[in-house]
């Protein structure tokens, strides 16, 4: 029984660790502060000139102050970047 519990705990730890690694890395190289919805996760913050991780899947983001929006998709392990293209935020693979 002890062996079974040890194995169950190890499997649970690996599952949780894998979930923590799942997602996309995103770098916001603009002055806008985006609230992003991706995958099944909403209200993720991608602040100006920061790098963070977001859930993989379809991406929709908005800077409420300026009304600027971004959209796209990412899969686990992707690295994305938001750039300012003459006043238009552009989301692309890095």
PDB file of N, CA and C in Angstrom:
ATOM      1  N   UNK A   1       0.824  -1.193   0.000  1.00  0.00           N
ATOM      2  CA  UNK A   1       0.000   0.000   0.000  1.00  0.00           C
ATOM      3  C   UNK A   1       0.868   1.256   0.000  1.00  0.00           C
ATOM      4  N   UNK A   2       1.987   1.233   0.783  1.00  0.00           N
ATOM      5  CA  UNK A   2       2.885   2.390   0.808  1.00  0.00           C
ATOM      6  C   UNK A   2       3.465   2.666  -0.574  1.00  0.00           C
ATOM      7  N   UNK A   3       3.835   1.587  -1.280  1.00  0.00           N
ATOM      8  CA  UNK A   3       4.402   1.737  -2.622  1.00  0.00           C
ATOM      9  C   UNK A   3       3.389   2.375  -3.564  1.00  0.00           C
ATOM     10  N   UNK A   4       2.150   1.932  -3.494  1.00  0.00           N
ATOM     11  CA  UNK A   4       1.100   2.489  -4.338  1.00  0.00           C
ATOM     12  C   UNK A   4       0.918   3.984  -4.072  1.00  0.00           C
ATOM     13  N   UNK A   5       0.888   4.376  -2.811  1.00  0.00           N
ATOM     14  CA  UNK A   5       0.730   5.788  -2.462  1.00  0.00           C
ATOM     15  C   UNK A   5       1.912   6.621  -2.938  1.00  0.00           C
ATOM     16  N   UNK A   6       3.112   6.073  -2.844  1.00  0.00           N
ATOM     17  CA  UNK A   6       4.309   6.779  -3.314  1.00  0.00           C
ATOM     18  C   UNK A   6       4.243   6.988  -4.822  1.00  0.00           C
ATOM     19  N   UNK A   7       3.839   5.938  -5.545  1.00  0.00           N
ATOM     20  CA  UNK A   7       3.720   6.055  -7.005  1.00  0.00           C
ATOM     21  C   UNK A   7       2.622   7.051  -7.367  1.00  0.00           C
ATOM     22  N   UNK A   8       1.501   6.994  -6.686  1.00  0.00           N
ATOM     23  CA  UNK A   8       0.395   7.928  -6.949  1.00  0.00           C
ATOM     24  C   UNK A   8       0.832   9.367  -6.703  1.00  0.00           C
ATOM     25  N   UNK A   9       1.586   9.599  -5.636  1.00  0.00           N
ATOM     26  CA  UNK A   9       2.071  10.945  -5.336  1.00  0.00           C
ATOM     27  C   UNK A   9       3.037  11.421  -6.413  1.00  0.00           C
ATOM     28  N   UNK A  10       3.900  10.539  -6.908  1.00  0.00           N
ATOM     29  CA  UNK A  10       4.864  10.904  -7.953  1.00  0.00           C
ATOM     30  C   UNK A  10       4.141  11.258  -9.252  1.00  0.00           C
ATOM     31  N   UNK A  11       3.146  10.463  -9.622  1.00  0.00           N
ATOM     32  CA  UNK A  11       2.375  10.737 -10.840  1.00  0.00           C
ATOM     33  C   UNK A  11       1.646  12.065 -10.715  1.00  0.00           C
ATOM     34  N   UNK A  12       1.058  12.332  -9.568  1.00  0.00           N
ATOM     35  CA  UNK A  12       0.358  13.597  -9.337  1.00  0.00           C
ATOM     36  C   UNK A  12       1.325  14.768  -9.455  1.00  0.00           C
ATOM     37  N   UNK A  13       2.511  14.643  -8.882  1.00  0.00           N
ATOM     38  CA  UNK A  13       3.517  15.713  -8.958  1.00  0.00           C
ATOM     39  C   UNK A  13       3.921  15.973 -10.395  1.00  0.00           C
ATOM     40  N   UNK A  14       4.138  14.921 -11.174  1.00  0.00           N
ATOM     41  CA  UNK A  14       4.521  15.092 -12.573  1.00  0.00           C
ATOM     42  C   UNK A  14       3.400  15.735 -13.378  1.00  0.00           C
ATOM     43  N   UNK A  15       2.161  15.362 -13.100  1.00  0.00           N
ATOM     44  CA  UNK A  15       1.020  15.956 -13.798  1.00  0.00           C
ATOM     45  C   UNK A  15       0.918  17.442 -13.487  1.00  0.00           C
ATOM     46  N   UNK A  16       1.058  17.811 -12.237  1.00  0.00           N
ATOM     47  CA  UNK A  16       1.002  19.222 -11.850  1.00  0.00           C
ATOM     48  C   UNK A  16       2.168  19.983 -12.466  1.00  0.00           C
ATOM     49  N   UNK A  17       3.351  19.406 -12.459  1.00  0.00           N
ATOM     50  CA  UNK A  17       4.524  20.065 -13.051  1.00  0.00           C
ATOM     51  C   UNK A  17       4.324  20.269 -14.536  1.00  0.00           C
ATOM     52  N   UNK A  18       3.772  19.271 -15.245  1.00  0.00           N
ATOM     53  CA  UNK A  18       3.528  19.419 -16.669  1.00  0.00           C
ATOM     54  C   UNK A  18       2.541  20.543 -16.933  1.00  0.00           C
ATOM     55  N   UNK A  19       1.492  20.636 -16.143  1.00  0.00           N
ATOM     56  CA  UNK A  19       0.505  21.703 -16.312  1.00  0.00           C
ATOM     57  C   UNK A  19       1.142  23.067 -16.108  1.00  0.00           C
ATOM     58  N   UNK A  20       2.089  23.172 -15.193  1.00  0.00           N
ATOM     59  CA  UNK A  20       2.759  24.448 -14.942  1.00  0.00           C
ATOM     60  C   UNK A  20       3.632  24.847 -16.127  1.00  0.00           C
ATOM     61  N   UNK A  21       4.174  23.879 -16.850  1.00  0.00           N
ATOM     62  CA  UNK A  21       5.025  24.185 -17.993  1.00  0.00           C
ATOM     63  C   UNK A  21       4.223  24.473 -19.248  1.00  0.00           C
ATOM     64  N   UNK A  22       2.979  24.007 -19.301  1.00  0.00           N
ATOM     65  CA  UNK A  22       2.164  24.204 -20.485  1.00  0.00           C
ATOM     66  C   UNK A  22       1.860  25.680 -20.656  1.00  0.00           C
ATOM     67  N   UNK A  23       1.903  26.135 -21.868  1.00  0.00           N
ATOM     68  CA  UNK A  23       1.570  27.523 -22.151  1.00  0.00           C
ATOM     69  C   UNK A  23       2.533  28.147 -23.127  1.00  0.00           C
ATOM     70  N   UNK A  24       2.362  29.424 -23.334  1.00  0.00           N
ATOM     71  CA  UNK A  24       3.169  30.193 -24.273  1.00  0.00           C
ATOM     72  C   UNK A  24       3.878  31.311 -23.529  1.00  0.00           C
ATOM     73  N   UNK A  25       5.020  31.667 -24.013  1.00  0.00           N
ATOM     74  CA  UNK A  25       5.739  32.812 -23.478  1.00  0.00           C
ATOM     75  C   UNK A  25       5.405  33.996 -24.380  1.00  0.00           C
ATOM     76  N   UNK A  26       5.102  35.139 -23.771  1.00  0.00           N
ATOM     77  CA  UNK A  26       4.732  36.314 -24.561  1.00  0.00           C
ATOM     78  C   UNK A  26       5.487  37.535 -24.036  1.00  0.00           C
ATOM     79  N   UNK A  27       6.075  38.287 -24.975  1.00  0.00           N
ATOM     80  CA  UNK A  27       6.798  39.514 -24.635  1.00  0.00           C
ATOM     81  C   UNK A  27       6.054  40.690 -25.255  1.00  0.00           C
ATOM     82  N   UNK A  28       5.687  41.653 -24.414  1.00  0.00           N
ATOM     83  CA  UNK A  28       4.993  42.857 -24.868  1.00  0.00           C
ATOM     84  C   UNK A  28       6.022  43.970 -24.987  1.00  0.00           C
ATOM     85  N   UNK A  29       6.373  44.319 -26.212  1.00  0.00           N
ATOM     86  CA  UNK A  29       7.372  45.353 -26.469  1.00  0.00           C
ATOM     87  C   UNK A  29       6.691  46.685 -26.801  1.00  0.00           C
ATOM     88  N   UNK A  30       5.540  46.945 -26.188  1.00  0.00           N
ATOM     89  CA  UNK A  30       4.793  48.183 -26.440  1.00  0.00           C
ATOM     90  C   UNK A  30       4.506  48.892 -25.122  1.00  0.00           C
ATOM     91  N   UNK A  31       3.852  50.059 -25.218  1.00  0.00           N
ATOM     92  CA  UNK A  31       3.459  50.795 -24.014  1.00  0.00           C
ATOM     93  C   UNK A  31       2.069  50.402 -23.532  1.00  0.00           C
ATOM     94  N   UNK A  32       1.364  49.522 -24.266  1.00  0.00           N
ATOM     95  CA  UNK A  32       0.010  49.152 -23.914  1.00  0.00           C
ATOM     96  C   UNK A  32      -0.025  48.025 -22.882  1.00  0.00           C
ATOM     97  N   UNK A  33      -1.068  48.030 -22.061  1.00  0.00           N
ATOM     98  CA  UNK A  33      -1.265  47.040 -20.998  1.00  0.00           C
ATOM     99  C   UNK A  33      -2.444  46.151 -21.383  1.00  0.00           C
ATOM    100  N   UNK A  34      -2.162  44.952 -21.884  1.00  0.00           N
ATOM    101  CA  UNK A  34      -3.207  44.074 -22.394  1.00  0.00           C
ATOM    102  C   UNK A  34      -3.736  43.123 -21.326  1.00  0.00           C
ATOM    103  N   UNK A  35      -5.054  42.977 -21.289  1.00  0.00           N
ATOM    104  CA  UNK A  35      -5.715  41.909 -20.543  1.00  0.00           C
ATOM    105  C   UNK A  35      -6.029  40.850 -21.591  1.00  0.00           C
ATOM    106  N   UNK A  36      -5.507  39.647 -21.362  1.00  0.00           N
ATOM    107  CA  UNK A  36      -5.562  38.603 -22.381  1.00  0.00           C
ATOM    108  C   UNK A  36      -6.423  37.433 -21.928  1.00  0.00           C
ATOM    109  N   UNK A  37      -7.192  36.922 -22.878  1.00  0.00           N
ATOM    110  CA  UNK A  37      -7.944  35.682 -22.706  1.00  0.00           C
ATOM    111  C   UNK A  37      -7.332  34.686 -23.680  1.00  0.00           C
ATOM    112  N   UNK A  38      -6.882  33.542 -23.162  1.00  0.00           N
ATOM    113  CA  UNK A  38      -6.318  32.515 -24.043  1.00  0.00           C
ATOM    114  C   UNK A  38      -6.640  31.143 -23.480  1.00  0.00           C
ATOM    115  N   UNK A  39      -6.798  30.184 -24.392  1.00  0.00           N
ATOM    116  CA  UNK A  39      -7.208  28.860 -23.946  1.00  0.00           C
ATOM    117  C   UNK A  39      -8.498  28.991 -23.166  1.00  0.00           C
ATOM    118  N   UNK A  40      -8.531  28.452 -21.968  1.00  0.00           N
ATOM    119  CA  UNK A  40      -9.701  28.572 -21.093  1.00  0.00           C
ATOM    120  C   UNK A  40      -9.441  29.538 -19.949  1.00  0.00           C
ATOM    121  N   UNK A  41      -8.459  30.420 -20.100  1.00  0.00           N
ATOM    122  CA  UNK A  41      -8.053  31.315 -19.023  1.00  0.00           C
ATOM    123  C   UNK A  41      -8.284  32.767 -19.428  1.00  0.00           C
ATOM    124  N   UNK A  42      -8.983  33.513 -18.579  1.00  0.00           N
ATOM    125  CA  UNK A  42      -9.233  34.926 -18.874  1.00  0.00           C
ATOM    126  C   UNK A  42      -8.494  35.806 -17.876  1.00  0.00           C
ATOM    127  N   UNK A  43      -8.499  37.095 -18.161  1.00  0.00           N
ATOM    128  CA  UNK A  43      -7.934  38.112 -17.272  1.00  0.00           C
ATOM    129  C   UNK A  43      -6.455  37.915 -16.949  1.00  0.00           C
ATOM    130  N   UNK A  44      -5.677  37.487 -17.945  1.00  0.00           N
ATOM    131  CA  UNK A  44      -4.231  37.385 -17.791  1.00  0.00           C
ATOM    132  C   UNK A  44      -3.642  38.746 -18.172  1.00  0.00           C
ATOM    133  N   UNK A  45      -2.713  39.220 -17.402  1.00  0.00           N
ATOM    134  CA  UNK A  45      -2.145  40.541 -17.644  1.00  0.00           C
ATOM    135  C   UNK A  45      -0.811  40.432 -18.375  1.00  0.00           C
ATOM    136  N   UNK A  46      -0.694  41.198 -19.462  1.00  0.00           N
ATOM    137  CA  UNK A  46       0.557  41.294 -20.212  1.00  0.00           C
ATOM    138  C   UNK A  46       0.889  42.780 -20.262  1.00  0.00           C
ATOM    139  N   UNK A  47       1.621  43.220 -19.261  1.00  0.00           N
ATOM    140  CA  UNK A  47       1.935  44.634 -19.109  1.00  0.00           C
ATOM    141  C   UNK A  47       2.928  45.151 -20.125  1.00  0.00           C
ATOM    142  N   UNK A  48       3.079  46.480 -20.187  1.00  0.00           N
ATOM    143  CA  UNK A  48       4.022  47.078 -21.122  1.00  0.00           C
ATOM    144  C   UNK A  48       5.459  46.674 -20.799  1.00  0.00           C
ATOM    145  N   UNK A  49       6.199  46.349 -21.847  1.00  0.00           N
ATOM    146  CA  UNK A  49       7.624  46.010 -21.754  1.00  0.00           C
ATOM    147  C   UNK A  49       7.891  44.903 -20.739  1.00  0.00           C
ATOM    148  N   UNK A  50       7.030  43.860 -20.747  1.00  0.00           N
ATOM    149  CA  UNK A  50       7.212  42.717 -19.855  1.00  0.00           C
ATOM    150  C   UNK A  50       7.148  41.414 -20.642  1.00  0.00           C
ATOM    151  N   UNK A  51       7.629  40.355 -20.016  1.00  0.00           N
ATOM    152  CA  UNK A  51       7.526  39.008 -20.559  1.00  0.00           C
ATOM    153  C   UNK A  51       6.815  38.159 -19.521  1.00  0.00           C
ATOM    154  N   UNK A  52       5.858  37.351 -19.966  1.00  0.00           N
ATOM    155  CA  UNK A  52       5.108  36.489 -19.062  1.00  0.00           C
ATOM    156  C   UNK A  52       4.664  35.241 -19.802  1.00  0.00           C
ATOM    157  N   UNK A  53       4.014  34.349 -19.106  1.00  0.00           N
ATOM    158  CA  UNK A  53       3.446  33.139 -19.710  1.00  0.00           C
ATOM    159  C   UNK A  53       1.935  33.243 -19.690  1.00  0.00           C
ATOM    160  N   UNK A  54       1.321  32.737 -20.767  1.00  0.00           N
ATOM    161  CA  UNK A  54      -0.139  32.685 -20.840  1.00  0.00           C
ATOM    162  C   UNK A  54      -0.540  31.275 -21.269  1.00  0.00           C
ATOM    163  N   UNK A  55      -1.798  30.950 -21.081  1.00  0.00           N
ATOM    164  CA  UNK A  55      -2.311  29.644 -21.489  1.00  0.00           C
ATOM    165  C   UNK A  55      -2.286  29.537 -23.008  1.00  0.00           C
ATOM    166  N   UNK A  56      -2.009  28.343 -23.500  1.00  0.00           N
ATOM    167  CA  UNK A  56      -1.995  28.150 -24.947  1.00  0.00           C
ATOM    168  C   UNK A  56      -3.427  28.062 -25.475  1.00  0.00           C
ATOM    169  N   UNK A  57      -3.590  28.362 -26.752  1.00  0.00           N
ATOM    170  CA  UNK A  57      -4.902  28.341 -27.402  1.00  0.00           C
ATOM    171  C   UNK A  57      -5.138  29.636 -28.158  1.00  0.00           C
ATOM    172  N   UNK A  58      -6.410  29.924 -28.433  1.00  0.00           N
ATOM    173  CA  UNK A  58      -6.774  31.176 -29.105  1.00  0.00           C
ATOM    174  C   UNK A  58      -6.525  32.336 -28.159  1.00  0.00           C
ATOM    175  N   UNK A  59      -5.999  33.420 -28.696  1.00  0.00           N
ATOM    176  CA  UNK A  59      -5.645  34.595 -27.892  1.00  0.00           C
ATOM    177  C   UNK A  59      -6.480  35.787 -28.325  1.00  0.00           C
ATOM    178  N   UNK A  60      -7.076  36.469 -27.338  1.00  0.00           N
ATOM    179  CA  UNK A  60      -7.740  37.754 -27.552  1.00  0.00           C
ATOM    180  C   UNK A  60      -7.268  38.667 -26.437  1.00  0.00           C
ATOM    181  N   UNK A  61      -6.833  39.855 -26.794  1.00  0.00           N
ATOM    182  CA  UNK A  61      -6.369  40.792 -25.785  1.00  0.00           C
ATOM    183  C   UNK A  61      -6.802  42.209 -26.106  1.00  0.00           C
ATOM    184  N   UNK A  62      -6.971  43.008 -25.049  1.00  0.00           N
ATOM    185  CA  UNK A  62      -7.373  44.404 -25.227  1.00  0.00           C
ATOM    186  C   UNK A  62      -6.687  45.270 -24.185  1.00  0.00           C
ATOM    187  N   UNK A  63      -6.271  46.457 -24.628  1.00  0.00           N
ATOM    188  CA  UNK A  63      -5.826  47.506 -23.716  1.00  0.00           C
ATOM    189  C   UNK A  63      -7.037  48.405 -23.521  1.00  0.00           C
ATOM    190  N   UNK A  64      -7.637  48.335 -22.349  1.00  0.00           N
ATOM    191  CA  UNK A  64      -8.898  49.055 -22.105  1.00  0.00           C
ATOM    192  C   UNK A  64      -8.753  50.565 -22.238  1.00  0.00           C
ATOM    193  N   UNK A  65      -7.595  51.091 -21.898  1.00  0.00           N
ATOM    194  CA  UNK A  65      -7.381  52.541 -21.942  1.00  0.00           C
ATOM    195  C   UNK A  65      -7.421  53.070 -23.379  1.00  0.00           C
ATOM    196  N   UNK A  66      -6.719  52.374 -24.291  1.00  0.00           N
ATOM    197  CA  UNK A  66      -6.624  52.858 -25.672  1.00  0.00           C
ATOM    198  C   UNK A  66      -7.594  52.160 -26.628  1.00  0.00           C
ATOM    199  N   UNK A  67      -8.111  51.002 -26.227  1.00  0.00           N
ATOM    200  CA  UNK A  67      -8.977  50.237 -27.110  1.00  0.00           C
ATOM    201  C   UNK A  67      -8.213  49.370 -28.106  1.00  0.00           C
ATOM    202  N   UNK A  68      -6.898  49.364 -28.041  1.00  0.00           N
ATOM    203  CA  UNK A  68      -6.069  48.552 -28.944  1.00  0.00           C
ATOM    204  C   UNK A  68      -6.296  47.073 -28.638  1.00  0.00           C
ATOM    205  N   UNK A  69      -6.319  46.231 -29.682  1.00  0.00           N
ATOM    206  CA  UNK A  69      -6.565  44.806 -29.504  1.00  0.00           C
ATOM    207  C   UNK A  69      -5.480  43.973 -30.186  1.00  0.00           C
ATOM    208  N   UNK A  70      -5.346  42.738 -29.695  1.00  0.00           N
ATOM    209  CA  UNK A  70      -4.497  41.739 -30.338  1.00  0.00           C
ATOM    210  C   UNK A  70      -5.295  40.444 -30.420  1.00  0.00           C
ATOM    211  N   UNK A  71      -4.931  39.592 -31.364  1.00  0.00           N
ATOM    212  CA  UNK A  71      -5.543  38.267 -31.443  1.00  0.00           C
ATOM    213  C   UNK A  71      -4.596  37.340 -32.184  1.00  0.00           C
ATOM    214  N   UNK A  72      -4.789  36.057 -31.955  1.00  0.00           N
ATOM    215  CA  UNK A  72      -3.956  35.049 -32.594  1.00  0.00           C
ATOM    216  C   UNK A  72      -4.101  33.727 -31.879  1.00  0.00           C
ATOM    217  N   UNK A  73      -3.143  32.850 -32.075  1.00  0.00           N
ATOM    218  CA  UNK A  73      -3.128  31.559 -31.398  1.00  0.00           C
ATOM    219  C   UNK A  73      -1.697  31.213 -31.015  1.00  0.00           C
ATOM    220  N   UNK A  74      -1.584  30.341 -30.027  1.00  0.00           N
ATOM    221  CA  UNK A  74      -0.274  29.792 -29.690  1.00  0.00           C
ATOM    222  C   UNK A  74      -0.465  28.389 -29.164  1.00  0.00           C
ATOM    223  N   UNK A  75       0.596  27.591 -29.280  1.00  0.00           N
ATOM    224  CA  UNK A  75       0.566  26.254 -28.716  1.00  0.00           C
ATOM    225  C   UNK A  75       1.680  26.145 -27.689  1.00  0.00           C
ATOM    226  N   UNK A  76       1.613  25.113 -26.869  1.00  0.00           N
ATOM    227  CA  UNK A  76       2.587  24.938 -25.800  1.00  0.00           C
ATOM    228  C   UNK A  76       4.015  25.104 -26.313  1.00  0.00           C
ATOM    229  N   UNK A  77       4.768  25.931 -25.618  1.00  0.00           N
ATOM    230  CA  UNK A  77       6.175  26.143 -25.951  1.00  0.00           C
ATOM    231  C   UNK A  77       6.446  27.280 -26.914  1.00  0.00           C
ATOM    232  N   UNK A  78       5.406  27.846 -27.539  1.00  0.00           N
ATOM    233  CA  UNK A  78       5.610  28.964 -28.468  1.00  0.00           C
ATOM    234  C   UNK A  78       6.110  30.195 -27.718  1.00  0.00           C
ATOM    235  N   UNK A  79       6.828  31.022 -28.430  1.00  0.00           N
ATOM    236  CA  UNK A  79       7.289  32.302 -27.904  1.00  0.00           C
ATOM    237  C   UNK A  79       6.729  33.387 -28.817  1.00  0.00           C
ATOM    238  N   UNK A  80       5.942  34.288 -28.248  1.00  0.00           N
ATOM    239  CA  UNK A  80       5.274  35.341 -29.013  1.00  0.00           C
ATOM    240  C   UNK A  80       5.798  36.710 -28.628  1.00  0.00           C
ATOM    241  N   UNK A  81       5.538  37.681 -29.501  1.00  0.00           N
ATOM    242  CA  UNK A  81       5.939  39.053 -29.222  1.00  0.00           C
ATOM    243  C   UNK A  81       4.868  40.002 -29.733  1.00  0.00           C
ATOM    244  N   UNK A  82       4.603  41.040 -28.940  1.00  0.00           N
ATOM    245  CA  UNK A  82       3.701  42.116 -29.361  1.00  0.00           C
ATOM    246  C   UNK A  82       4.579  43.321 -29.672  1.00  0.00           C
ATOM    247  N   UNK A  83       4.481  43.825 -30.904  1.00  0.00           N
ATOM    248  CA  UNK A  83       5.258  44.998 -31.319  1.00  0.00           C
ATOM    249  C   UNK A  83       4.318  46.112 -31.755  1.00  0.00           C
ATOM    250  N   UNK A  84       4.811  47.321 -31.681  1.00  0.00           N
ATOM    251  CA  UNK A  84       4.079  48.504 -32.116  1.00  0.00           C
ATOM    252  C   UNK A  84       4.470  48.799 -33.562  1.00  0.00           C
ATOM    253  N   UNK A  85       3.525  48.644 -34.491  1.00  0.00           N
ATOM    254  CA  UNK A  85       3.779  48.933 -35.904  1.00  0.00           C
ATOM    255  C   UNK A  85       3.029  50.208 -36.280  1.00  0.00           C
ATOM    256  N   UNK A  86       3.657  51.358 -36.018  1.00  0.00           N
ATOM    257  CA  UNK A  86       3.069  52.672 -36.314  1.00  0.00           C
ATOM    258  C   UNK A  86       1.711  52.845 -35.650  1.00  0.00           C
ATOM    259  N   UNK A  87       1.631  52.493 -34.353  1.00  0.00           N
ATOM    260  CA  UNK A  87       0.405  52.682 -33.595  1.00  0.00           C
ATOM    261  C   UNK A  87      -0.542  51.496 -33.600  1.00  0.00           C
ATOM    262  N   UNK A  88      -0.155  50.406 -34.272  1.00  0.00           N
ATOM    263  CA  UNK A  88      -0.985  49.206 -34.326  1.00  0.00           C
ATOM    264  C   UNK A  88      -0.230  48.066 -33.638  1.00  0.00           C
ATOM    265  N   UNK A  89      -0.821  47.454 -32.605  1.00  0.00           N
ATOM    266  CA  UNK A  89      -0.148  46.318 -31.971  1.00  0.00           C
ATOM    267  C   UNK A  89      -0.216  45.083 -32.872  1.00  0.00           C
ATOM    268  N   UNK A  90       0.942  44.438 -33.068  1.00  0.00           N
ATOM    269  CA  UNK A  90       1.031  43.257 -33.911  1.00  0.00           C
ATOM    270  C   UNK A  90       1.568  42.096 -33.085  1.00  0.00           C
ATOM    271  N   UNK A  91       0.827  40.997 -33.050  1.00  0.00           N
ATOM    272  CA  UNK A  91       1.224  39.793 -32.323  1.00  0.00           C
ATOM    273  C   UNK A  91       1.829  38.817 -33.328  1.00  0.00           C
ATOM    274  N   UNK A  92       3.054  38.355 -33.041  1.00  0.00           N
ATOM    275  CA  UNK A  92       3.708  37.417 -33.964  1.00  0.00           C
ATOM    276  C   UNK A  92       4.573  36.431 -33.199  1.00  0.00           C
ATOM    277  N   UNK A  93       4.938  35.337 -33.877  1.00  0.00           N
ATOM    278  CA  UNK A  93       5.881  34.378 -33.304  1.00  0.00           C
ATOM    279  C   UNK A  93       7.244  35.021 -33.235  1.00  0.00           C
ATOM    280  N   UNK A  94       7.939  34.745 -32.170  1.00  0.00           N
ATOM    281  CA  UNK A  94       9.266  35.333 -31.967  1.00  0.00           C
ATOM    282  C   UNK A  94      10.322  34.394 -32.497  1.00  0.00           C
TER     283      UNK A  94
END
